[in-house]
PDB file of N, CA and C in Angstrom:
ATOM      1  N   MET A   1      10.558 -13.524  -6.239  1.00  0.00           N
ATOM      2  CA  MET A   1      11.733 -12.891  -6.764  1.00  0.00           C
ATOM      3  C   MET A   1      12.938 -13.455  -6.045  1.00  0.00           C
ATOM      4  N   GLU A   2      13.999 -13.629  -6.795  1.00  0.00           N
ATOM      5  CA  GLU A   2      15.301 -13.945  -6.201  1.00  0.00           C
ATOM      6  C   GLU A   2      16.171 -12.721  -6.434  1.00  0.00           C
ATOM      7  N   ILE A   3      16.753 -12.212  -5.368  1.00  0.00           N
ATOM      8  CA  ILE A   3      17.595 -11.025  -5.490  1.00  0.00           C
ATOM      9  C   ILE A   3      18.945 -11.263  -4.856  1.00  0.00           C
ATOM     10  N   THR A   4      19.948 -10.609  -5.409  1.00  0.00           N
ATOM     11  CA  THR A   4      21.276 -10.602  -4.819  1.00  0.00           C
ATOM     12  C   THR A   4      21.591  -9.176  -4.433  1.00  0.00           C
ATOM     13  N   VAL A   5      21.958  -9.005  -3.162  1.00  0.00           N
ATOM     14  CA  VAL A   5      22.318  -7.695  -2.630  1.00  0.00           C
ATOM     15  C   VAL A   5      23.836  -7.630  -2.528  1.00  0.00           C
ATOM     16  N   GLY A   6      24.419  -6.602  -3.135  1.00  0.00           N
ATOM     17  CA  GLY A   6      25.863  -6.425  -3.120  1.00  0.00           C
ATOM     18  C   GLY A   6      26.337  -5.786  -1.826  1.00  0.00           C
ATOM     19  N   THR A   7      27.639  -5.698  -1.676  1.00  0.00           N
ATOM     20  CA  THR A   7      28.226  -5.173  -0.445  1.00  0.00           C
ATOM     21  C   THR A   7      27.858  -3.719  -0.183  1.00  0.00           C
ATOM     22  N   ASP A   8      27.517  -2.968  -1.224  1.00  0.00           N
ATOM     23  CA  ASP A   8      27.118  -1.567  -1.028  1.00  0.00           C
ATOM     24  C   ASP A   8      25.632  -1.416  -0.716  1.00  0.00           C
ATOM     25  N   GLY A   9      24.901  -2.532  -0.645  1.00  0.00           N
ATOM     26  CA  GLY A   9      23.481  -2.502  -0.314  1.00  0.00           C
ATOM     27  C   GLY A   9      22.558  -2.399  -1.510  1.00  0.00           C
ATOM     28  N   SER A  10      23.115  -2.331  -2.704  1.00  0.00           N
ATOM     29  CA  SER A  10      22.269  -2.261  -3.901  1.00  0.00           C
ATOM     30  C   SER A  10      21.951  -3.662  -4.407  1.00  0.00           C
ATOM     31  N   VAL A  11      20.858  -3.777  -5.142  1.00  0.00           N
ATOM     32  CA  VAL A  11      20.488  -5.050  -5.758  1.00  0.00           C
ATOM     33  C   VAL A  11      21.330  -5.211  -7.017  1.00  0.00           C
ATOM     34  N   THR A  12      22.157  -6.244  -7.031  1.00  0.00           N
ATOM     35  CA  THR A  12      23.059  -6.457  -8.167  1.00  0.00           C
ATOM     36  C   THR A  12      22.501  -7.440  -9.186  1.00  0.00           C
ATOM     37  N   ALA A  13      21.508  -8.246  -8.773  1.00  0.00           N
ATOM     38  CA  ALA A  13      20.877  -9.197  -9.691  1.00  0.00           C
ATOM     39  C   ALA A  13      19.473  -9.490  -9.180  1.00  0.00           C
ATOM     40  N   ALA A  14      18.569  -9.749 -10.105  1.00  0.00           N
ATOM     41  CA  ALA A  14      17.197 -10.087  -9.738  1.00  0.00           C
ATOM     42  C   ALA A  14      16.597 -10.940 -10.839  1.00  0.00           C
ATOM     43  N   ARG A  15      15.735 -11.867 -10.420  1.00  0.00           N
ATOM     44  CA  ARG A  15      15.022 -12.679 -11.403  1.00  0.00           C
ATOM     45  C   ARG A  15      13.699 -13.127 -10.812  1.00  0.00           C
ATOM     46  N   VAL A  16      12.742 -13.328 -11.689  1.00  0.00           N
ATOM     47  CA  VAL A  16      11.434 -13.821 -11.274  1.00  0.00           C
ATOM     48  C   VAL A  16      11.537 -15.334 -11.160  1.00  0.00           C
ATOM     49  N   VAL A  17      11.227 -15.855  -9.988  1.00  0.00           N
ATOM     50  CA  VAL A  17      11.269 -17.297  -9.758  1.00  0.00           C
ATOM     51  C   VAL A  17       9.940 -17.931 -10.136  1.00  0.00           C
ATOM     52  N   ASP A  18       8.850 -17.262  -9.781  1.00  0.00           N
ATOM     53  CA  ASP A  18       7.514 -17.777 -10.059  1.00  0.00           C
ATOM     54  C   ASP A  18       6.560 -16.589 -10.127  1.00  0.00           C
ATOM     55  N   ALA A  19       5.552 -16.681 -10.947  1.00  0.00           N
ATOM     56  CA  ALA A  19       4.583 -15.595 -11.064  1.00  0.00           C
ATOM     57  C   ALA A  19       3.205 -16.163 -11.353  1.00  0.00           C
ATOM     58  N   ASN A  20       2.199 -15.498 -10.807  1.00  0.00           N
ATOM     59  CA  ASN A  20       0.825 -15.902 -11.040  1.00  0.00           C
ATOM     60  C   ASN A  20      -0.016 -14.639 -11.168  1.00  0.00           C
ATOM     61  N   PRO A  21      -0.483 -14.318 -12.358  1.00  0.00           N
ATOM     62  CA  PRO A  21      -0.339 -15.040 -13.614  1.00  0.00           C
ATOM     63  C   PRO A  21       1.068 -14.870 -14.201  1.00  0.00           C
ATOM     64  N   PRO A  22       1.518 -15.862 -14.945  1.00  0.00           N
ATOM     65  CA  PRO A  22       2.873 -15.823 -15.507  1.00  0.00           C
ATOM     66  C   PRO A  22       3.106 -14.622 -16.424  1.00  0.00           C
ATOM     67  N   ARG A  23       4.264 -13.996 -16.285  1.00  0.00           N
ATOM     68  CA  ARG A  23       4.788 -12.950 -17.160  1.00  0.00           C
ATOM     69  C   ARG A  23       3.951 -11.674 -17.255  1.00  0.00           C
ATOM     70  N   VAL A  24       2.958 -11.493 -16.409  1.00  0.00           N
ATOM     71  CA  VAL A  24       2.124 -10.292 -16.492  1.00  0.00           C
ATOM     72  C   VAL A  24       2.817  -9.101 -15.835  1.00  0.00           C
ATOM     73  N   PHE A  25       3.410  -9.304 -14.648  1.00  0.00           N
ATOM     74  CA  PHE A  25       4.029  -8.208 -13.907  1.00  0.00           C
ATOM     75  C   PHE A  25       5.544  -8.339 -13.803  1.00  0.00           C
ATOM     76  N   ASP A  26       6.152  -9.254 -14.533  1.00  0.00           N
ATOM     77  CA  ASP A  26       7.590  -9.515 -14.399  1.00  0.00           C
ATOM     78  C   ASP A  26       8.435  -8.255 -14.588  1.00  0.00           C
ATOM     79  N   ARG A  27       8.209  -7.539 -15.654  1.00  0.00           N
ATOM     80  CA  ARG A  27       9.023  -6.357 -15.960  1.00  0.00           C
ATOM     81  C   ARG A  27       8.902  -5.300 -14.854  1.00  0.00           C
ATOM     82  N   GLU A  28       7.684  -5.060 -14.403  1.00  0.00           N
ATOM     83  CA  GLU A  28       7.458  -4.063 -13.356  1.00  0.00           C
ATOM     84  C   GLU A  28       8.079  -4.498 -12.028  1.00  0.00           C
ATOM     85  N   ALA A  29       7.948  -5.768 -11.708  1.00  0.00           N
ATOM     86  CA  ALA A  29       8.532  -6.279 -10.460  1.00  0.00           C
ATOM     87  C   ALA A  29      10.049  -6.174 -10.486  1.00  0.00           C
ATOM     88  N   LEU A  30      10.666  -6.540 -11.588  1.00  0.00           N
ATOM     89  CA  LEU A  30      12.128  -6.439 -11.702  1.00  0.00           C
ATOM     90  C   LEU A  30      12.593  -4.990 -11.594  1.00  0.00           C
ATOM     91  N   ALA A  31      11.888  -4.087 -12.242  1.00  0.00           N
ATOM     92  CA  ALA A  31      12.264  -2.672 -12.178  1.00  0.00           C
ATOM     93  C   ALA A  31      12.165  -2.150 -10.751  1.00  0.00           C
ATOM     94  N   ALA A  32      11.120  -2.533 -10.040  1.00  0.00           N
ATOM     95  CA  ALA A  32      10.945  -2.077  -8.654  1.00  0.00           C
ATOM     96  C   ALA A  32      12.037  -2.634  -7.754  1.00  0.00           C
ATOM     97  N   VAL A  33      12.307  -3.913  -7.864  1.00  0.00           N
ATOM     98  CA  VAL A  33      13.308  -4.563  -7.006  1.00  0.00           C
ATOM     99  C   VAL A  33      14.698  -3.978  -7.240  1.00  0.00           C
ATOM    100  N   LYS A  34      15.021  -3.656  -8.470  1.00  0.00           N
ATOM    101  CA  LYS A  34      16.355  -3.112  -8.760  1.00  0.00           C
ATOM    102  C   LYS A  34      16.569  -1.727  -8.153  1.00  0.00           C
ATOM    103  N   ARG A  35      15.493  -1.068  -7.721  1.00  0.00           N
ATOM    104  CA  ARG A  35      15.620   0.232  -7.060  1.00  0.00           C
ATOM    105  C   ARG A  35      15.759   0.109  -5.536  1.00  0.00           C
ATOM    106  N   TRP A  36      15.541  -1.087  -5.000  1.00  0.00           N
ATOM    107  CA  TRP A  36      15.639  -1.279  -3.555  1.00  0.00           C
ATOM    108  C   TRP A  36      17.054  -1.003  -3.073  1.00  0.00           C
ATOM    109  N   LYS A  37      17.169  -0.487  -1.853  1.00  0.00           N
ATOM    110  CA  LYS A  37      18.463  -0.229  -1.218  1.00  0.00           C
ATOM    111  C   LYS A  37      18.460  -0.839   0.174  1.00  0.00           C
ATOM    112  N   PHE A  38      19.560  -1.461   0.531  1.00  0.00           N
ATOM    113  CA  PHE A  38      19.735  -2.078   1.833  1.00  0.00           C
ATOM    114  C   PHE A  38      20.976  -1.491   2.494  1.00  0.00           C
ATOM    115  N   ALA A  39      21.143  -1.750   3.776  1.00  0.00           N
ATOM    116  CA  ALA A  39      22.350  -1.320   4.476  1.00  0.00           C
ATOM    117  C   ALA A  39      23.541  -2.079   3.889  1.00  0.00           C
ATOM    118  N   PRO A  40      24.712  -1.442   3.819  1.00  0.00           N
ATOM    119  CA  PRO A  40      25.907  -2.140   3.334  1.00  0.00           C
ATOM    120  C   PRO A  40      26.179  -3.405   4.164  1.00  0.00           C
ATOM    121  N   ILE A  41      26.721  -4.429   3.496  1.00  0.00           N
ATOM    122  CA  ILE A  41      27.015  -5.705   4.152  1.00  0.00           C
ATOM    123  C   ILE A  41      28.425  -6.158   3.781  1.00  0.00           C
ATOM    124  N   ASP A  42      28.934  -7.140   4.512  1.00  0.00           N
ATOM    125  CA  ASP A  42      30.307  -7.613   4.308  1.00  0.00           C
ATOM    126  C   ASP A  42      30.495  -8.461   3.052  1.00  0.00           C
ATOM    127  N   ALA A  43      29.459  -9.202   2.670  1.00  0.00           N
ATOM    128  CA  ALA A  43      29.553 -10.081   1.503  1.00  0.00           C
ATOM    129  C   ALA A  43      28.203 -10.105   0.802  1.00  0.00           C
ATOM    130  N   PRO A  44      28.188 -10.294  -0.511  1.00  0.00           N
ATOM    131  CA  PRO A  44      26.914 -10.364  -1.235  1.00  0.00           C
ATOM    132  C   PRO A  44      26.019 -11.472  -0.677  1.00  0.00           C
ATOM    133  N   VAL A  45      24.708 -11.240  -0.713  1.00  0.00           N
ATOM    134  CA  VAL A  45      23.720 -12.201  -0.218  1.00  0.00           C
ATOM    135  C   VAL A  45      22.642 -12.378  -1.266  1.00  0.00           C
ATOM    136  N   THR A  46      22.263 -13.627  -1.511  1.00  0.00           N
ATOM    137  CA  THR A  46      21.155 -13.927  -2.413  1.00  0.00           C
ATOM    138  C   THR A  46      20.010 -14.468  -1.575  1.00  0.00           C
ATOM    139  N   THR A  47      18.815 -13.941  -1.823  1.00  0.00           N
ATOM    140  CA  THR A  47      17.636 -14.328  -1.057  1.00  0.00           C
ATOM    141  C   THR A  47      16.417 -14.289  -1.954  1.00  0.00           C
ATOM    142  N   THR A  48      15.322 -14.828  -1.485  1.00  0.00           N
ATOM    143  CA  THR A  48      14.076 -14.743  -2.235  1.00  0.00           C
ATOM    144  C   THR A  48      13.060 -13.937  -1.433  1.00  0.00           C
ATOM    145  N   ARG A  49      12.221 -13.214  -2.145  1.00  0.00           N
ATOM    146  CA  ARG A  49      11.168 -12.408  -1.546  1.00  0.00           C
ATOM    147  C   ARG A  49       9.922 -12.534  -2.414  1.00  0.00           C
ATOM    148  N   THR A  50       8.777 -12.530  -1.756  1.00  0.00           N
ATOM    149  CA  THR A  50       7.504 -12.567  -2.463  1.00  0.00           C
ATOM    150  C   THR A  50       6.958 -11.149  -2.560  1.00  0.00           C
ATOM    151  N   ILE A  51       6.525 -10.786  -3.753  1.00  0.00           N
ATOM    152  CA  ILE A  51       5.917  -9.481  -3.987  1.00  0.00           C
ATOM    153  C   ILE A  51       4.483  -9.727  -4.428  1.00  0.00           C
ATOM    154  N   ASN A  52       3.551  -9.109  -3.729  1.00  0.00           N
ATOM    155  CA  ASN A  52       2.132  -9.229  -4.093  1.00  0.00           C
ATOM    156  C   ASN A  52       1.670  -7.922  -4.695  1.00  0.00           C
ATOM    157  N   PHE A  53       1.078  -8.009  -5.895  1.00  0.00           N
ATOM    158  CA  PHE A  53       0.478  -6.846  -6.535  1.00  0.00           C
ATOM    159  C   PHE A  53      -1.013  -6.902  -6.286  1.00  0.00           C
ATOM    160  N   ARG A  54      -1.559  -5.795  -5.844  1.00  0.00           N
ATOM    161  CA  ARG A  54      -2.998  -5.717  -5.628  1.00  0.00           C
ATOM    162  C   ARG A  54      -3.530  -4.526  -6.434  1.00  0.00           C
ATOM    163  N   PRO A  55      -3.839  -4.767  -7.700  1.00  0.00           N
ATOM    164  CA  PRO A  55      -4.340  -3.677  -8.538  1.00  0.00           C
ATOM    165  C   PRO A  55      -5.573  -3.014  -7.922  1.00  0.00           C
ATOM    166  N   GLY A  56      -5.564  -1.697  -7.930  1.00  0.00           N
ATOM    167  CA  GLY A  56      -6.684  -0.943  -7.393  1.00  0.00           C
ATOM    168  C   GLY A  56      -6.759  -0.911  -5.887  1.00  0.00           C
ATOM    169  N   GLY A  57      -5.765  -1.509  -5.215  1.00  0.00           N
ATOM    170  CA  GLY A  57      -5.824  -1.603  -3.760  1.00  0.00           C
ATOM    171  C   GLY A  57      -4.923  -0.671  -3.039  1.00  0.00           C
TER     172      GLY A  57
END
């Protein structure tokens, strides 16, 4: 996932960079990431994070 965190600590943009298997969990991953909250910052930051889904785990 590539995410941009705004100055208020909310995720202002998110996109799937790579997925395996492709397009299976994209919608769920985007919805989860958009709910993330971070501490407020001075300027927006874009970063990438890996999310692993482990069904049944």
